[in-house]
Amino acid sequence: MAPRLALIALDAADSRLIKKWSAQGLLPNIARLMHEGVSIPISTPPAVLEGAVWPTLVSGVSPGTHGMHSYLQLKPGSYDLYLGLRADHLPVPYFWQVLSDAQKRMVLVDVPLTRPIATVNGIQIVNWGVHDGWSWDRSSWPVEVISDLLDRYGEHPLSVQCDDLVLASGYGELRRRLLRGVQLKGQIIENLIKQNEWDFFFGAFSESHCAGHQCWHLMDRNHPRHSEANTDDLRNILRDVYRAIDDALGAIARQLDGETSFALLLSHGMGAYYQGSHLLDQVIQQSKINEPDRTSVATKLWQTGRMLPDSLRQKIKAKLPSTLLGNLWRCSHGEVAYHSKMRVFQVPSNNMTSALRVNLKGREPNGIVEPGAEYEQLCHDLSTKIGSLRNSDTGEKAVQWIARSSELFRGSRVDQLPDFFVEWNHDVPITSLTSPHFAPIQGNPEGPRTGSHLPGGSLYGKGLLFPKRCPADEMHTVDIAPTILKLFDIPAPAYMEGCGLSFR
């Protein structure tokens, strides 16, 4: 019997919550999958988690090779920013192209940060209902499939950015649309499973992603924005979204015959949005790494933006199209063009992890820092001073670690990544910093989101491809693509960097 696999992904659904609510009997279908099959934790890419997890997962190559790490990235050879996570920036094929070349037929539904490929054998639906729809236009292959889907199911109920919906309509409306979105996505997946011939089915629910960003404080009694005055419906939005997905998973599983293996993939985690990226520009200014006269213009612009109340800034952002987000980032962090006159500057990254770029001679157009001894001394000074930061409210270290990209990754595009990543302590809010090297630094984070991404995913699988035996204590995100190929007895291509695990 030829192998057959249905893989369903929950985008940014936190493994800790899944385990907790499964143990409490709130997610019976996931609990059954855990009990009857194999479970293996997934170690996700460090530092570049938010931007790199899906490109790494679907390609089998590391962030140092594919170079995709942030919504906005520094354009190579310039000081400009560009949309780094566009789906066509991945330099290698998706792993399902390898399956297709081996004559396997597939159905792909809303896999994040991907695009349809005409040479793939099967049906591909892109961005009907995902969290990051800006990565590619809503489309399909064959091209008429998306029109048929829209005629039957309409738009995804959450067709606007979740930040904008919360600001405009509140959490009750967000809850209604998320639950309806889960219901429709489940129906779409069920019908595609029944109506098509396939060897590999890969579908994703992204409602868990949006709910985690917007609703964490409603559930978390320790969060400073939590209110017991909220109704149960509001306090339990995140739990109810997970329960709706669990119901959908049960209905999907019932469509599968006994010869088809079933797997659930949790891409990466979610937690309280506590970080200090909003304070890092002040740290750089006080560090004297940049000359004072070189930072004066950027400092004035940054201070001017900070004079506006958070609520006013968010209202302004809600009225503007998403294409202006790059300019908004520039406004809040100084002129990007002015970075040419700085020795080091902050660049966009995962919200929970800050990123710094050194203005290196021979790499940047107007590099200042000499490679070799000067670069090494600058890196040492940065590590020492940033590593000394403490949260003024707790006295605890504000930074878990600071690391160079070259220490974390290998590959042909490592130079396109930031030089440094700063992983903040995410246990409590960070609104002020102290250090022997700096005067006190203060500031509140911006934005409506109260949850953001944390490391760690999980894979649960059962069926003929998953005898009840775990081949390892953990796997890495980069291992997922070659592992799926191995389940189909297909060798991984030479460019893949992960290891294919064998469950048989």
Protein backbone atom coordinates (compact mmCIF):
# COMPACT_ATOMS: atom_id res chain seq x y z
CA MET A 1 0.00 0.00 0.00
CA ALA A 2 1.42 3.40 -1.02
CA PRO A 3 1.85 5.78 1.95
CA ARG A 4 -0.80 8.43 2.44
CA LEU A 5 -0.49 11.31 4.89
CA ALA A 6 -2.81 14.11 6.01
CA LEU A 7 -0.86 16.84 7.84
CA ILE A 8 -2.70 19.69 9.56
CA ALA A 9 -0.75 22.63 10.97
CA LEU A 10 -1.84 25.03 13.69
CA ASP A 11 0.00 28.28 13.06
CA ALA A 12 1.55 29.66 16.29
CA ALA A 13 -0.62 27.49 18.56
CA ASP A 14 1.26 27.20 21.83
CA SER A 15 2.29 23.64 22.79
CA ARG A 16 2.01 24.40 26.52
CA LEU A 17 -1.62 25.46 26.17
CA ILE A 18 -2.38 22.49 23.92
CA LYS A 19 -0.99 20.08 26.52
CA LYS A 20 -2.72 21.82 29.42
CA TRP A 21 -6.15 21.98 27.81
CA SER A 22 -5.83 18.45 26.40
CA ALA A 23 -5.10 17.13 29.89
CA GLN A 24 -8.19 18.98 31.18
CA GLY A 25 -10.38 17.27 28.59
CA LEU A 26 -11.05 20.48 26.64
CA LEU A 27 -9.31 19.26 23.46
CA PRO A 28 -10.41 15.62 23.22
CA ASN A 29 -9.40 15.03 19.61
CA ILE A 30 -5.87 16.32 20.10
CA ALA A 31 -5.65 14.38 23.38
CA ARG A 32 -6.63 11.21 21.54
CA LEU A 33 -3.99 11.86 18.90
CA MET A 34 -1.35 12.34 21.62
CA HIS A 35 -2.39 9.14 23.38
CA GLU A 36 -2.71 6.90 20.34
CA GLY A 37 0.29 8.10 18.35
CA VAL A 38 3.76 9.56 18.70
CA SER A 39 4.64 12.98 20.08
CA ILE A 40 7.87 14.82 19.48
CA PRO A 41 8.86 18.39 20.42
CA ILE A 42 10.23 20.69 17.74
CA SER A 43 13.15 23.02 18.37
CA THR A 44 12.43 26.17 16.35
CA PRO A 45 15.03 28.55 14.81
CA PRO A 46 16.54 30.82 17.48
CA ALA A 47 16.35 34.64 17.22
CA VAL A 48 14.58 34.70 13.83
CA LEU A 49 11.58 32.69 14.99
CA GLU A 50 8.70 34.82 13.76
CA GLY A 51 9.97 35.30 10.20
CA ALA A 52 12.04 32.18 9.61
CA VAL A 53 9.94 29.35 11.00
CA TRP A 54 7.69 28.81 7.95
CA PRO A 55 10.39 29.35 5.26
CA THR A 56 12.57 26.87 7.16
CA LEU A 57 9.74 24.38 7.61
CA VAL A 58 8.66 24.26 3.96
CA SER A 59 12.17 24.23 2.49
CA GLY A 60 14.36 22.11 4.75
CA VAL A 61 17.10 24.76 4.76
CA SER A 62 18.20 27.02 7.60
CA PRO A 63 17.78 30.80 7.94
CA GLY A 64 21.45 31.25 7.07
CA THR A 65 20.71 29.68 3.69
CA HIS A 66 17.30 31.11 2.81
CA GLY A 67 17.94 34.51 4.46
CA MET A 68 14.26 35.16 5.33
CA HIS A 69 13.92 36.40 8.90
CA SER A 70 11.60 39.42 9.19
CA TYR A 71 8.57 41.13 7.64
CA LEU A 72 10.90 44.04 6.83
CA GLN A 73 14.56 43.33 6.12
CA LEU A 74 17.60 45.34 5.17
CA LYS A 75 17.99 45.19 1.39
CA PRO A 76 21.42 43.74 0.58
CA GLY A 77 23.87 46.41 -0.53
CA SER A 78 21.79 49.31 0.79
CA TYR A 79 20.28 50.90 3.89
CA ASP A 80 16.74 50.50 2.57
CA LEU A 81 14.11 48.11 3.90
CA TYR A 82 12.10 45.72 1.77
CA LEU A 83 9.39 43.11 2.32
CA GLY A 84 11.63 40.20 3.28
CA LEU A 85 8.96 37.51 3.65
CA ARG A 86 7.42 37.64 0.19
CA ALA A 87 6.78 34.07 -0.84
CA ASP A 88 8.94 34.28 -3.96
CA HIS A 89 12.09 35.12 -1.96
CA LEU A 90 12.68 31.50 -0.92
CA PRO A 91 15.76 30.43 -2.93
CA VAL A 92 14.99 26.67 -2.99
CA PRO A 93 11.86 24.66 -3.89
CA TYR A 94 9.18 23.71 -1.39
CA PHE A 95 9.49 20.13 -0.20
CA TRP A 96 6.21 19.25 -1.93
CA GLN A 97 7.85 19.92 -5.29
CA VAL A 98 10.06 16.92 -4.50
CA LEU A 99 6.96 14.87 -3.70
CA SER A 100 5.38 16.00 -6.94
CA ASP A 101 8.49 15.03 -8.93
CA ALA A 102 8.09 11.56 -7.42
CA GLN A 103 4.55 11.39 -8.87
CA LYS A 104 2.79 12.02 -5.58
CA ARG A 105 -0.45 13.96 -5.81
CA MET A 106 -1.29 16.55 -3.17
CA VAL A 107 -3.71 19.15 -1.86
CA LEU A 108 -2.26 22.22 -0.12
CA VAL A 109 -4.50 24.65 1.75
CA ASP A 110 -3.29 27.96 3.22
CA VAL A 111 0.25 26.92 4.11
CA PRO A 112 1.67 30.24 5.43
CA LEU A 113 4.17 32.31 3.44
CA THR A 114 3.93 30.17 0.29
CA ARG A 115 2.72 30.61 -3.29
CA PRO A 116 1.22 28.31 -5.93
CA ILE A 117 3.64 26.52 -8.26
CA ALA A 118 2.29 25.39 -11.62
CA THR A 119 4.59 22.36 -11.79
CA VAL A 120 3.21 20.82 -8.58
CA ASN A 121 0.95 17.81 -9.11
CA GLY A 122 -2.27 18.71 -7.38
CA ILE A 123 -4.32 21.54 -5.92
CA GLN A 124 -2.83 24.55 -4.14
CA ILE A 125 -4.86 27.22 -2.36
CA VAL A 126 -2.92 30.23 -1.11
CA ASN A 127 -4.08 32.88 1.36
CA TRP A 128 -7.82 32.27 1.51
CA GLY A 129 -7.61 32.63 5.29
CA VAL A 130 -4.14 33.18 6.77
CA HIS A 131 -2.61 35.56 9.26
CA ASP A 132 0.08 36.95 6.95
CA GLY A 133 -1.80 37.40 3.68
CA TRP A 134 0.59 40.12 2.50
CA SER A 135 3.18 37.46 1.57
CA TRP A 136 1.40 36.69 -1.73
CA ASP A 137 -1.83 37.54 -3.52
CA ARG A 138 -4.74 35.23 -2.82
CA SER A 139 -4.50 32.65 -5.59
CA SER A 140 -4.53 28.96 -6.47
CA TRP A 141 -3.40 26.33 -8.90
CA PRO A 142 -5.31 25.50 -10.99
CA VAL A 143 -6.21 29.18 -11.17
CA GLU A 144 -9.97 28.64 -11.15
CA VAL A 145 -9.96 26.84 -7.79
CA ILE A 146 -9.80 30.02 -5.71
CA SER A 147 -12.77 31.55 -7.56
CA ASP A 148 -14.82 28.42 -6.96
CA LEU A 149 -13.82 28.48 -3.30
CA LEU A 150 -14.85 32.12 -2.89
CA ASP A 151 -18.16 31.47 -4.65
CA ARG A 152 -18.95 28.65 -2.23
CA TYR A 153 -17.57 29.98 1.06
CA GLY A 154 -17.03 33.70 0.51
CA GLU A 155 -14.22 35.69 2.09
CA HIS A 156 -12.60 34.50 5.30
CA PRO A 157 -14.49 36.32 8.09
CA LEU A 158 -11.25 37.90 9.26
CA SER A 159 -10.21 39.43 5.94
CA VAL A 160 -8.70 42.52 7.60
CA GLN A 161 -5.62 42.71 9.80
CA CYS A 162 -6.54 41.52 13.28
CA ASP A 163 -4.91 44.58 14.90
CA ASP A 164 -7.18 46.85 12.88
CA LEU A 165 -10.31 44.85 13.71
CA VAL A 166 -9.67 44.99 17.46
CA LEU A 167 -9.14 48.75 17.33
CA ALA A 168 -12.24 49.31 15.21
CA SER A 169 -14.72 46.72 16.52
CA GLY A 170 -13.44 45.19 19.75
CA TYR A 171 -12.78 41.69 21.04
CA GLY A 172 -16.33 40.42 20.80
CA GLU A 173 -16.36 40.89 17.04
CA LEU A 174 -12.88 39.37 16.81
CA ARG A 175 -14.13 36.28 18.67
CA ARG A 176 -17.13 35.89 16.37
CA ARG A 177 -15.01 36.11 13.23
CA LEU A 178 -12.27 33.80 14.48
CA LEU A 179 -14.72 31.04 15.42
CA ARG A 180 -16.55 31.37 12.12
CA GLY A 181 -13.21 31.29 10.30
CA VAL A 182 -12.25 28.02 12.01
CA GLN A 183 -15.62 26.53 11.10
CA LEU A 184 -15.30 27.45 7.42
CA LYS A 185 -11.66 26.33 7.18
CA GLY A 186 -12.65 22.96 8.65
CA GLN A 187 -15.43 22.58 6.09
CA ILE A 188 -13.08 23.50 3.25
CA ILE A 189 -10.49 20.95 4.37
CA GLU A 190 -13.11 18.23 4.86
CA ASN A 191 -14.55 18.74 1.39
CA LEU A 192 -11.15 18.85 -0.30
CA ILE A 193 -10.20 15.61 1.45
CA LYS A 194 -13.38 13.90 0.24
CA GLN A 195 -13.52 15.30 -3.29
CA ASN A 196 -9.93 14.82 -4.47
CA GLU A 197 -7.41 12.09 -5.02
CA TRP A 198 -4.22 12.74 -3.06
CA ASP A 199 -1.22 11.13 -1.41
CA PHE A 200 -0.26 14.13 0.71
CA PHE A 201 -2.68 16.64 2.19
CA PHE A 202 -1.32 19.73 3.96
CA GLY A 203 -3.71 22.28 5.44
CA ALA A 204 -3.27 24.98 8.07
CA PHE A 205 -5.43 26.84 10.59
CA SER A 206 -4.13 30.37 11.25
CA GLU A 207 -6.84 31.57 13.64
CA SER A 208 -4.65 30.39 16.53
CA HIS A 209 -2.00 32.87 15.39
CA CYS A 210 -4.29 35.91 15.46
CA ALA A 211 -5.98 34.90 18.72
CA GLY A 212 -2.61 34.55 20.44
CA HIS A 213 -1.49 38.03 19.41
CA GLN A 214 -4.67 39.83 20.38
CA CYS A 215 -6.16 37.90 23.27
CA TRP A 216 -3.34 36.80 25.56
CA HIS A 217 -4.10 39.39 28.24
CA LEU A 218 -7.75 38.36 28.36
CA MET A 219 -6.71 34.91 29.57
CA ASP A 220 -3.54 35.74 31.53
CA ARG A 221 -4.41 37.05 35.01
CA ASN A 222 -0.82 38.22 35.53
CA HIS A 223 -0.86 40.46 32.47
CA PRO A 224 -1.05 44.19 33.29
CA ARG A 225 -3.91 44.65 30.82
CA HIS A 226 -5.98 41.77 32.22
CA SER A 227 -9.40 42.69 33.62
CA GLU A 228 -11.69 40.41 35.61
CA ALA A 229 -14.53 42.67 34.50
CA ASN A 230 -14.49 41.02 31.07
CA THR A 231 -17.16 38.42 30.37
CA ASP A 232 -16.29 34.71 30.17
CA ASP A 233 -16.71 34.86 26.39
CA LEU A 234 -13.95 37.45 26.17
CA ARG A 235 -11.62 35.94 28.79
CA ASN A 236 -11.79 32.57 27.02
CA ILE A 237 -11.38 33.64 23.37
CA LEU A 238 -8.02 31.90 22.99
CA ARG A 239 -9.26 28.71 24.64
CA ASP A 240 -12.45 28.74 22.55
CA VAL A 241 -10.50 29.15 19.30
CA TYR A 242 -8.34 26.15 20.24
CA ARG A 243 -11.49 24.16 21.11
CA ALA A 244 -13.10 25.07 17.77
CA ILE A 245 -9.97 23.89 15.97
CA ASP A 246 -10.05 20.67 17.99
CA ASP A 247 -13.66 20.09 16.88
CA ALA A 248 -12.62 20.69 13.26
CA LEU A 249 -9.72 18.25 13.64
CA GLY A 250 -12.13 15.58 14.86
CA ALA A 251 -14.35 16.05 11.81
CA ILE A 252 -11.31 15.97 9.51
CA ALA A 253 -10.00 12.77 11.09
CA ARG A 254 -13.36 11.10 10.49
CA GLN A 255 -12.91 11.66 6.74
CA LEU A 256 -9.72 9.58 6.70
CA ASP A 257 -9.69 5.85 6.10
CA GLY A 258 -7.63 3.38 8.11
CA GLU A 259 -4.85 3.36 5.52
CA THR A 260 -4.18 7.12 5.88
CA SER A 261 -1.83 8.47 8.53
CA PHE A 262 -2.75 11.67 10.32
CA ALA A 263 -0.36 14.24 11.81
CA LEU A 264 -0.75 17.53 13.65
CA LEU A 265 2.00 20.15 13.49
CA LEU A 266 2.32 23.05 15.95
CA SER A 267 4.67 25.44 14.17
CA HIS A 268 5.88 27.61 17.09
CA GLY A 269 4.72 28.99 20.42
CA MET A 270 2.99 32.03 21.86
CA GLY A 271 3.21 33.92 25.12
CA ALA A 272 2.88 37.31 26.78
CA TYR A 273 4.35 40.11 24.67
CA TYR A 274 7.09 41.21 27.06
CA GLN A 275 10.26 42.54 25.48
CA GLY A 276 12.55 45.59 25.38
CA SER A 277 12.98 46.32 21.68
CA HIS A 278 11.28 49.69 22.17
CA LEU A 279 14.15 50.73 24.49
CA LEU A 280 17.08 49.51 22.42
CA ASP A 281 17.56 52.72 20.42
CA GLN A 282 18.05 54.58 23.70
CA VAL A 283 20.57 51.95 24.77
CA ILE A 284 22.50 52.46 21.53
CA GLN A 285 22.40 56.24 21.93
CA GLN A 286 23.82 56.05 25.45
CA SER A 287 26.43 53.45 24.58
CA LYS A 288 28.53 56.06 22.71
CA ILE A 289 29.06 53.46 19.99
CA ASN A 290 27.78 56.07 17.56
CA GLU A 291 29.16 59.60 17.53
CA PRO A 292 26.69 62.11 19.06
CA ASP A 293 26.57 64.35 16.00
CA ARG A 294 25.86 61.35 13.83
CA THR A 295 22.78 60.34 15.83
CA SER A 296 21.22 63.73 16.49
CA VAL A 297 18.77 63.71 13.56
CA ALA A 298 17.64 60.12 14.22
CA THR A 299 17.29 60.92 17.92
CA LYS A 300 15.10 63.97 17.30
CA LEU A 301 12.84 62.05 14.95
CA TRP A 302 12.52 59.20 17.42
CA GLN A 303 11.73 61.59 20.29
CA THR A 304 9.12 63.42 18.18
CA GLY A 305 7.31 60.17 17.44
CA ARG A 306 7.37 59.20 21.11
CA MET A 307 5.61 62.47 22.04
CA LEU A 308 2.37 61.16 20.52
CA PRO A 309 0.17 59.08 22.87
CA ASP A 310 0.12 55.35 22.09
CA SER A 311 -3.64 55.44 21.45
CA LEU A 312 -3.25 58.24 18.88
CA ARG A 313 -0.39 56.47 17.11
CA GLN A 314 -2.47 53.29 16.85
CA LYS A 315 -5.49 55.15 15.50
CA ILE A 316 -3.30 56.74 12.84
CA LYS A 317 -1.82 53.36 11.91
CA ALA A 318 -5.29 51.78 11.69
CA LYS A 319 -6.25 54.31 9.00
CA LEU A 320 -3.21 53.65 6.83
CA PRO A 321 -2.67 50.78 4.35
CA SER A 322 -0.26 48.04 5.33
CA THR A 323 2.14 49.11 2.55
CA LEU A 324 3.10 52.08 4.71
CA LEU A 325 4.25 49.96 7.63
CA GLY A 326 7.83 50.18 6.46
CA ASN A 327 7.66 53.95 6.53
CA LEU A 328 6.06 53.88 9.98
CA TRP A 329 8.95 51.75 11.24
CA ARG A 330 11.38 54.27 9.76
CA CYS A 331 9.57 57.11 11.52
CA SER A 332 9.72 55.40 14.91
CA HIS A 333 13.38 54.43 14.58
CA GLY A 334 14.91 57.40 12.81
CA GLU A 335 15.85 57.82 9.17
CA VAL A 336 16.97 54.54 7.68
CA ALA A 337 19.14 56.49 5.23
CA TYR A 338 20.87 58.07 8.21
CA HIS A 339 22.11 54.64 9.21
CA SER A 340 24.92 55.17 6.73
CA LYS A 341 26.43 57.56 9.29
CA MET A 342 26.10 55.21 12.27
CA ARG A 343 28.46 52.45 13.41
CA VAL A 344 25.58 50.24 14.51
CA PHE A 345 21.81 50.52 14.19
CA GLN A 346 18.66 48.58 14.99
CA VAL A 347 16.88 46.73 12.17
CA PRO A 348 13.46 45.01 12.18
CA SER A 349 13.25 41.47 13.53
CA ASN A 350 11.03 39.20 15.56
CA ASN A 351 9.22 41.46 18.05
CA MET A 352 10.45 39.39 20.99
CA THR A 353 14.07 39.47 19.75
CA SER A 354 15.87 42.68 18.75
CA ALA A 355 18.36 42.81 15.90
CA LEU A 356 21.38 45.04 15.29
CA ARG A 357 23.41 45.66 12.15
CA VAL A 358 27.02 46.86 12.12
CA ASN A 359 27.85 49.40 9.41
CA LEU A 360 30.77 47.35 8.14
CA LYS A 361 33.24 48.53 5.52
CA GLY A 362 33.20 46.37 2.39
CA ARG A 363 29.67 45.16 3.09
CA GLU A 364 27.52 48.26 3.57
CA PRO A 365 27.61 51.00 0.87
CA ASN A 366 29.09 53.59 3.27
CA GLY A 367 30.62 51.30 5.85
CA ILE A 368 32.38 52.88 8.82
CA VAL A 369 33.58 49.99 10.98
CA GLU A 370 36.77 48.28 9.82
CA PRO A 371 36.65 44.48 9.60
CA GLY A 372 38.91 42.70 12.04
CA ALA A 373 40.01 44.25 15.31
CA GLU A 374 37.63 47.24 15.23
CA TYR A 375 34.65 45.03 14.42
CA GLU A 376 35.57 42.55 17.13
CA GLN A 377 35.98 45.31 19.73
CA LEU A 378 32.61 46.78 18.79
CA CYS A 379 30.98 43.36 19.10
CA HIS A 380 32.58 42.88 22.51
CA ASP A 381 31.40 46.29 23.72
CA LEU A 382 27.85 45.64 22.48
CA SER A 383 27.68 42.26 24.18
CA THR A 384 29.01 43.60 27.47
CA LYS A 385 26.82 46.68 27.67
CA ILE A 386 23.57 45.13 26.43
CA GLY A 387 24.15 42.04 28.54
CA SER A 388 24.41 44.23 31.65
CA LEU A 389 20.84 45.56 31.33
CA ARG A 390 18.42 44.87 34.17
CA ASN A 391 14.70 45.34 34.47
CA SER A 392 14.29 48.29 36.87
CA ASP A 393 11.03 46.89 38.27
CA THR A 394 12.41 43.48 39.23
CA GLY A 395 16.18 43.85 39.39
CA GLU A 396 16.44 40.75 37.19
CA LYS A 397 18.43 40.54 33.97
CA ALA A 398 16.49 42.08 31.09
CA VAL A 399 18.33 40.10 28.40
CA GLN A 400 18.50 36.31 28.23
CA TRP A 401 21.31 36.30 25.71
CA ILE A 402 22.95 38.26 22.92
CA ALA A 403 24.50 36.36 20.01
CA ARG A 404 26.00 36.93 16.60
CA SER A 405 24.31 35.49 13.52
CA SER A 406 27.54 33.69 12.67
CA GLU A 407 27.29 31.87 16.02
CA LEU A 408 23.72 30.76 15.36
CA PHE A 409 23.64 29.99 11.64
CA ARG A 410 25.64 28.81 8.65
CA GLY A 411 24.83 29.35 4.99
CA SER A 412 25.30 31.54 1.96
CA ARG A 413 23.02 34.32 3.26
CA VAL A 414 24.31 34.72 6.80
CA ASP A 415 25.71 38.14 5.84
CA GLN A 416 22.17 39.26 4.97
CA LEU A 417 21.03 38.59 8.53
CA PRO A 418 21.56 41.13 11.31
CA ASP A 419 24.96 40.93 13.00
CA PHE A 420 23.48 40.61 16.48
CA PHE A 421 20.31 39.30 18.05
CA VAL A 422 19.17 40.30 21.52
CA GLU A 423 16.81 37.86 23.23
CA TRP A 424 14.88 39.67 25.95
CA ASN A 425 13.59 38.17 29.18
CA HIS A 426 9.90 37.50 28.52
CA ASP A 427 8.80 36.79 32.10
CA VAL A 428 7.48 40.27 32.94
CA PRO A 429 6.95 43.61 31.15
CA ILE A 430 10.02 45.75 30.48
CA THR A 431 9.32 49.48 30.73
CA SER A 432 12.59 50.69 32.27
CA LEU A 433 16.20 49.56 32.29
CA THR A 434 19.19 50.12 34.53
CA SER A 435 22.87 49.33 34.05
CA PRO A 436 26.24 50.49 35.35
CA HIS A 437 26.91 51.69 31.79
CA PHE A 438 23.77 53.81 31.28
CA ALA A 439 21.52 56.39 32.83
CA PRO A 440 18.00 55.02 33.50
CA ILE A 441 16.08 54.23 30.32
CA GLN A 442 12.29 54.29 30.18
CA GLY A 443 9.51 53.78 27.65
CA ASN A 444 6.32 51.82 27.05
CA PRO A 445 5.90 49.32 24.18
CA GLU A 446 3.59 50.28 21.33
CA GLY A 447 0.71 48.44 19.70
CA PRO A 448 -2.47 46.59 20.63
CA ARG A 449 -0.94 43.11 20.69
CA THR A 450 -0.51 41.46 24.08
CA GLY A 451 0.86 38.11 22.88
CA SER A 452 3.78 37.26 20.65
CA HIS A 453 5.93 34.38 19.51
CA LEU A 454 7.94 32.04 21.71
CA PRO A 455 10.14 29.11 20.69
CA GLY A 456 9.01 25.53 20.49
CA GLY A 457 6.60 23.47 18.44
CA SER A 458 5.34 19.89 18.42
CA LEU A 459 4.50 17.09 16.02
CA TYR A 460 1.85 14.47 16.81
CA GLY A 461 1.22 11.60 14.42
CA LYS A 462 -0.63 8.30 14.23
CA GLY A 463 -1.33 5.66 11.62
CA LEU A 464 0.73 3.29 9.50
CA LEU A 465 3.53 5.85 9.04
CA PHE A 466 3.75 6.47 12.80
CA PRO A 467 4.11 3.27 14.82
CA LYS A 468 4.08 4.20 18.50
CA ARG A 469 7.82 4.83 18.77
CA CYS A 470 9.67 8.15 18.91
CA PRO A 471 12.91 8.14 16.90
CA ALA A 472 14.48 11.02 18.88
CA ASP A 473 13.98 13.24 21.91
CA GLU A 474 13.29 16.21 19.64
CA MET A 475 13.45 17.36 16.04
CA HIS A 476 14.28 20.75 14.53
CA THR A 477 12.12 22.80 12.22
CA VAL A 478 14.66 22.21 9.46
CA ASP A 479 14.11 18.43 9.88
CA ILE A 480 10.39 18.54 9.04
CA ALA A 481 10.72 18.65 5.24
CA PRO A 482 13.20 15.75 4.92
CA THR A 483 11.20 13.76 7.50
CA ILE A 484 8.03 14.02 5.41
CA LEU A 485 9.97 12.94 2.35
CA LYS A 486 11.35 9.98 4.31
CA LEU A 487 7.84 8.92 5.31
CA PHE A 488 7.19 8.54 1.57
CA ASP A 489 10.53 6.73 1.05
CA ILE A 490 11.81 9.64 -1.05
CA PRO A 491 15.45 10.73 -0.56
CA ALA A 492 15.92 14.34 0.50
CA PRO A 493 17.66 16.49 -2.13
CA ALA A 494 21.25 17.50 -1.43
CA TYR A 495 20.37 21.12 -0.68
CA MET A 496 18.25 20.21 2.35
CA GLU A 497 20.12 20.70 5.61
CA GLY A 498 17.82 18.88 8.04
CA CYS A 499 17.78 15.21 8.99
CA GLY A 500 14.92 12.97 8.00
CA LEU A 501 13.61 11.06 11.02
CA SER A 502 12.32 7.53 10.58
CA PHE A 503 9.27 6.55 12.65
CA ARG A 504 9.26 2.99 11.32
